[in-house]
């Protein structure tokens, strides 16, 4: 156990190698994409989001319009049974 203590003491007294001082900066540089690539990905994702939102908006509007048109026909077909026509004399 004392051997380990002496070994750790010698290790702690040694100076830190210069390449370890920049280890964190080098790792961050390697892990992050270049700015041009990141900017292109950002613009691409914005464009895809806008296209998807426009498609959903147009599709939803078209579906609502078709549903509203179908309901309006049903409503107008019941106009023959309005109280004014039921009470009138057909003769």
Protein backbone atom coordinates (compact mmCIF):
# COMPACT_ATOMS: atom_id res chain seq x y z
CA UNK A 1 0.00 0.00 0.00
CA UNK A 2 2.86 2.33 0.74
CA UNK A 3 4.26 1.61 -2.71
CA UNK A 4 1.07 2.96 -4.22
CA UNK A 5 1.22 6.05 -2.02
CA UNK A 6 4.79 6.76 -3.08
CA UNK A 7 3.95 6.17 -6.72
CA UNK A 8 0.98 8.58 -6.57
CA UNK A 9 3.10 11.14 -4.75
CA UNK A 10 5.76 10.99 -7.49
CA UNK A 11 3.07 11.25 -10.14
CA UNK A 12 1.47 14.28 -8.51
CA UNK A 13 4.86 16.05 -8.29
CA UNK A 14 5.49 15.71 -12.03
CA UNK A 15 4.41 18.54 -14.33
CA UNK A 16 1.38 18.02 -16.54
CA UNK A 17 2.35 17.20 -20.14
CA UNK A 18 1.70 20.10 -22.50
CA UNK A 19 -0.47 18.05 -24.86
CA UNK A 20 -2.92 17.31 -22.02
CA UNK A 21 -3.52 21.02 -21.44
CA UNK A 22 -5.21 21.31 -24.84
CA UNK A 23 -7.00 17.96 -24.71
CA UNK A 24 -10.44 19.44 -24.02
CA UNK A 25 -10.14 22.05 -26.78
CA UNK A 26 -8.95 19.46 -29.30
CA UNK A 27 -11.79 17.08 -28.45
CA UNK A 28 -14.39 19.83 -28.77
CA UNK A 29 -12.97 20.85 -32.15
CA UNK A 30 -13.08 17.27 -33.43
CA UNK A 31 -16.62 16.64 -32.18
CA UNK A 32 -18.25 19.82 -33.48
CA UNK A 33 -18.93 20.12 -37.21
CA UNK A 34 -17.51 23.07 -39.15
CA UNK A 35 -19.65 26.20 -39.08
CA UNK A 36 -20.50 25.97 -42.77
CA UNK A 37 -21.88 22.46 -42.33
CA UNK A 38 -23.85 23.47 -39.24
CA UNK A 39 -25.31 26.50 -41.04
CA UNK A 40 -26.32 24.39 -44.04
CA UNK A 41 -28.03 21.87 -41.76
CA UNK A 42 -29.88 24.65 -39.97
CA UNK A 43 -31.16 26.20 -43.21
CA UNK A 44 -32.13 22.81 -44.56
CA UNK A 45 -34.13 21.96 -41.45
CA UNK A 46 -35.90 25.34 -41.56
CA UNK A 47 -36.79 24.80 -45.22
CA UNK A 48 -38.14 21.30 -44.55
CA UNK A 49 -40.17 22.60 -41.59
CA UNK A 50 -41.70 25.39 -43.67
CA UNK A 51 -42.56 23.02 -46.52
CA UNK A 52 -44.14 20.55 -44.11
CA UNK A 53 -46.16 23.29 -42.39
CA UNK A 54 -47.36 24.65 -45.74
CA UNK A 55 -48.34 21.17 -46.93
CA UNK A 56 -50.25 20.43 -43.75
CA UNK A 57 -51.99 23.79 -43.91
CA UNK A 58 -53.07 23.36 -47.52
CA UNK A 59 -54.11 19.75 -46.96
CA UNK A 60 -56.07 20.62 -43.83
CA UNK A 61 -57.81 23.50 -45.57
CA UNK A 62 -58.74 21.30 -48.52
CA UNK A 63 -60.13 18.61 -46.21
CA UNK A 64 -62.14 21.17 -44.24
CA UNK A 65 -63.43 22.76 -47.45
CA UNK A 66 -64.62 19.40 -48.82
CA UNK A 67 -66.30 18.60 -45.51
CA UNK A 68 -68.01 21.99 -45.41
CA UNK A 69 -69.25 21.58 -48.97
CA UNK A 70 -70.74 18.17 -48.20
CA UNK A 71 -72.54 19.52 -45.16
CA UNK A 72 -73.93 22.49 -47.07
CA UNK A 73 -75.64 20.14 -49.55
CA UNK A 74 -77.24 18.24 -46.70
CA UNK A 75 -78.48 21.47 -45.18
CA UNK A 76 -79.98 22.74 -48.43
CA UNK A 77 -81.74 19.46 -49.14
CA UNK A 78 -83.66 19.84 -45.89
CA UNK A 79 -84.98 23.24 -46.98
CA UNK A 80 -88.04 21.49 -48.46
CA UNK A 81 -89.09 20.58 -44.93
CA UNK A 82 -88.93 24.14 -43.58
CA UNK A 83 -91.94 25.18 -41.47
CA UNK A 84 -93.09 27.65 -44.10
CA UNK A 85 -93.36 24.88 -46.72
CA UNK A 86 -95.00 22.40 -44.34
CA UNK A 87 -97.76 24.81 -43.44
CA UNK A 88 -98.48 25.98 -46.94
CA UNK A 89 -101.31 24.51 -48.93
CA UNK A 90 -99.82 22.37 -51.78
CA UNK A 91 -102.96 22.75 -53.90
